Protein backbone atom coordinates (compact mmCIF):
# COMPACT_ATOMS: atom_id res chain seq x y z
CA MET A 1 -26.71 -16.12 11.74
CA TYR A 2 -22.90 -16.08 11.73
CA SER A 3 -21.05 -13.22 13.44
CA ILE A 4 -17.28 -12.77 13.43
CA TRP A 5 -17.68 -11.37 16.95
CA GLN A 6 -19.26 -14.58 18.32
CA GLY A 7 -17.24 -17.45 19.78
CA ASP A 8 -18.22 -20.65 21.53
CA ARG A 9 -18.73 -18.99 24.93
CA VAL A 10 -18.62 -15.23 24.42
CA ARG A 11 -19.19 -12.41 21.99
CA LEU A 12 -17.33 -9.13 21.69
CA ARG A 13 -19.18 -5.84 21.41
CA ALA A 14 -18.55 -2.13 21.80
CA VAL A 15 -18.76 -0.37 25.16
CA GLU A 16 -22.21 1.07 25.92
CA PRO A 17 -22.84 3.99 28.30
CA GLU A 18 -24.88 1.76 30.63
CA ASP A 19 -21.81 -0.45 31.21
CA TRP A 20 -20.50 2.14 33.67
CA GLU A 21 -21.78 0.33 36.77
CA VAL A 22 -19.84 -2.85 35.98
CA PHE A 23 -16.69 -0.85 35.22
CA ALA A 24 -17.16 1.03 38.51
CA SER A 25 -17.40 -2.21 40.48
CA TRP A 26 -14.24 -3.52 38.83
CA ARG A 27 -12.39 -0.26 39.46
CA HIS A 28 -13.04 -0.69 43.18
CA ASP A 29 -11.96 -4.36 43.19
CA THR A 30 -8.32 -4.23 44.33
CA GLU A 31 -7.37 -7.62 42.89
CA MET A 32 -8.92 -6.84 39.50
CA ALA A 33 -7.18 -3.44 39.38
CA ARG A 34 -3.83 -4.98 40.35
CA LEU A 35 -4.07 -7.76 37.72
CA GLY A 36 -5.37 -5.46 34.99
CA HIS A 37 -2.94 -2.60 35.28
CA CYS A 38 -2.57 -0.82 38.60
CA ILE A 39 -4.53 0.49 41.54
CA GLU A 40 -5.55 4.02 40.67
CA PHE A 41 -6.87 6.83 42.82
CA PRO A 42 -10.60 6.49 43.59
CA ALA A 43 -12.91 7.67 40.82
CA SER A 44 -16.32 9.21 41.27
CA ARG A 45 -19.38 7.66 39.68
CA GLU A 46 -19.57 10.68 37.37
CA MET A 47 -15.97 10.22 36.28
CA ILE A 48 -16.58 6.55 35.45
CA LYS A 49 -19.83 7.43 33.65
CA HIS A 50 -17.94 10.02 31.59
CA TRP A 51 -15.12 7.55 30.80
CA THR A 52 -17.63 4.89 29.73
CA THR A 53 -19.69 7.30 27.62
CA SER A 54 -16.52 8.59 26.00
CA GLY A 55 -15.47 5.03 25.18
CA ALA A 56 -18.91 4.33 23.75
CA THR A 57 -18.80 7.33 21.44
CA THR A 58 -15.17 7.35 20.32
CA HIS A 59 -14.28 5.95 16.91
CA PRO A 60 -11.35 3.49 16.92
CA GLU A 61 -8.04 5.07 16.01
CA ASN A 62 -5.11 3.10 14.58
CA ASP A 63 -6.92 -0.19 15.33
CA CYS A 64 -6.94 0.60 19.07
CA PHE A 65 -10.30 -0.36 20.56
CA ARG A 66 -11.89 -1.49 23.82
CA PHE A 67 -14.30 -4.41 23.48
CA VAL A 68 -16.74 -5.66 26.07
CA ILE A 69 -16.87 -9.42 26.55
CA GLU A 70 -20.38 -10.83 27.04
CA ASN A 71 -21.31 -14.42 27.79
CA GLN A 72 -24.25 -16.25 26.17
CA ASP A 73 -26.62 -14.73 28.76
CA ASP A 74 -25.69 -11.17 27.64
CA THR A 75 -23.84 -10.61 30.92
CA LEU A 76 -20.78 -8.35 30.78
CA VAL A 77 -17.99 -10.65 31.98
CA GLY A 78 -14.86 -8.77 30.93
CA THR A 79 -13.07 -6.43 28.60
CA ILE A 80 -10.31 -6.77 26.03
CA ASN A 81 -8.57 -3.79 24.50
CA THR A 82 -6.03 -3.43 21.73
CA HIS A 83 -3.17 -0.94 21.90
CA GLY A 84 0.26 -0.37 20.43
CA CYS A 85 -1.15 -1.18 17.00
CA GLU A 86 1.34 -0.63 14.19
CA ARG A 87 -0.18 -1.16 10.73
CA ARG A 88 3.16 -0.59 9.01
CA HIS A 89 4.71 -3.51 10.88
CA GLY A 90 1.51 -5.50 11.28
CA THR A 91 1.86 -5.75 15.04
CA PHE A 92 -0.43 -5.08 17.98
CA LYS A 93 -0.85 -5.69 21.70
CA TYR A 94 -3.85 -6.29 23.89
CA GLY A 95 -4.91 -6.40 27.50
CA ILE A 96 -7.71 -8.50 28.93
CA ALA A 97 -9.60 -8.51 32.22
CA ILE A 98 -12.31 -10.89 33.37
CA GLY A 99 -14.52 -10.11 36.37
CA ARG A 100 -13.74 -12.15 39.46
CA GLU A 101 -17.01 -14.11 39.41
CA HIS A 102 -16.58 -15.02 35.72
CA ARG A 103 -13.05 -16.42 35.77
CA ARG A 104 -12.07 -19.99 34.83
CA LYS A 105 -15.04 -20.50 32.50
CA GLY A 106 -13.16 -20.26 29.20
CA TYR A 107 -14.29 -16.68 28.52
CA ALA A 108 -10.80 -15.19 28.23
CA ALA A 109 -9.52 -17.86 25.82
CA ASP A 110 -12.59 -17.52 23.60
CA ALA A 111 -12.36 -13.70 23.56
CA ILE A 112 -8.66 -13.81 22.68
CA ARG A 113 -9.29 -16.21 19.77
CA ILE A 114 -12.08 -13.96 18.41
CA LEU A 115 -9.81 -10.92 18.65
CA LEU A 116 -6.83 -12.63 17.01
CA ARG A 117 -8.93 -14.02 14.18
CA TYR A 118 -10.19 -10.50 13.40
CA PHE A 119 -6.82 -8.76 13.68
CA PHE A 120 -4.96 -11.41 11.70
CA PHE A 121 -7.45 -12.23 8.94
CA GLU A 122 -9.52 -9.06 8.57
CA LEU A 123 -7.06 -6.29 9.43
CA GLY A 124 -3.93 -8.05 8.16
CA HIS A 125 -1.78 -7.88 11.28
CA GLN A 126 0.97 -10.50 11.39
CA LYS A 127 1.98 -10.60 15.08
CA VAL A 128 0.55 -9.98 18.53
CA THR A 129 2.38 -9.50 21.82
CA VAL A 130 1.00 -9.37 25.33
CA ASP A 131 2.66 -8.34 28.58
CA VAL A 132 1.80 -10.44 31.65
CA TYR A 133 2.82 -9.58 35.20
CA ALA A 134 4.94 -12.34 36.78
CA PHE A 135 2.52 -12.66 39.71
CA ASN A 136 -0.40 -13.34 37.33
CA THR A 137 0.27 -17.07 37.00
CA THR A 138 -3.25 -17.73 35.71
CA SER A 139 -2.65 -15.45 32.70
CA ILE A 140 0.78 -16.96 32.08
CA THR A 141 -0.77 -20.44 31.97
CA LEU A 142 -3.61 -19.22 29.71
CA HIS A 143 -1.25 -17.71 27.14
CA GLU A 144 0.99 -20.78 27.11
CA ARG A 145 -2.08 -23.00 26.60
CA LEU A 146 -3.24 -20.77 23.72
CA GLY A 147 0.09 -21.34 21.95
CA PHE A 148 1.84 -18.05 22.68
CA GLN A 149 5.64 -18.17 22.78
CA HIS A 150 7.51 -16.77 25.77
CA GLU A 151 9.67 -14.08 24.16
CA GLY A 152 11.28 -12.47 27.15
CA ARG A 153 11.15 -11.06 30.61
CA LEU A 154 11.45 -7.44 31.62
CA ARG A 155 12.91 -7.34 35.10
CA ARG A 156 11.54 -5.24 37.98
CA LEU A 157 9.11 -3.30 35.82
CA ILE A 158 5.98 -3.32 38.00
CA ARG A 159 5.53 -2.28 41.63
CA SER A 160 2.63 -4.00 43.37
CA GLU A 161 1.96 -4.51 47.07
CA GLY A 162 5.30 -2.89 47.88
CA ALA A 163 7.36 -5.30 45.80
CA LEU A 164 8.93 -5.09 42.36
CA HIS A 165 7.84 -7.67 39.79
CA ASP A 166 8.92 -8.80 36.35
CA VAL A 167 6.78 -8.65 33.22
CA HIS A 168 6.71 -11.63 30.86
CA VAL A 169 6.33 -10.91 27.15
CA PHE A 170 4.42 -13.46 25.07
CA GLY A 171 3.98 -13.39 21.30
CA MET A 172 2.17 -15.19 18.52
CA THR A 173 2.45 -14.88 14.75
CA VAL A 174 -0.41 -15.34 12.32
CA GLU A 175 1.19 -18.60 11.15
CA GLU A 176 1.35 -19.94 14.71
CA PHE A 177 -2.30 -18.99 15.20
CA GLU A 178 -3.33 -20.75 12.00
CA THR A 179 -1.44 -23.90 12.97
CA LYS A 180 -2.94 -23.99 16.47
CA TRP A 181 -6.50 -22.73 15.96
CA GLU A 182 -7.77 -22.69 12.40
CA GLY A 183 -10.15 -25.51 11.62
CA GLN A 184 -11.26 -25.76 15.25
């Protein structure tokens, strides 16, 4: 059976309430928090359960949605979420995080391709952008390898470990995606 949500290595699905334990472990992983967004104040188990249940029961609004990334063994390996979606302009952004023990297995690249295929060919978006912290060299390399174009650098936008860091902006149009990935 074919599923638009299935790639070569992963599948995307909605958040389920029982995912809270994995999200809790990631929230307390300093490196994962730093790479994903920022280190937040500690959260109780109940707060994370509530956040996860809320995510599992909230209908997507304006094409903004949090997907869970599962590998072929049905193990939750990461998350990818869309935001800044503008139907009028056909643009959107996303963020992705892969658990420490699941990195460098091709999961992120596969999840990004599934997401882009859906947003470009099913929802009709024409361009995606992604912000990558300058210290996240693995993500910079990933996006370059996927065919994203480096569109700019926002200087001194992120504070992490007491230092200010730049944010790199990468973009890809539907035509660039088709040229690089369709037929593969």
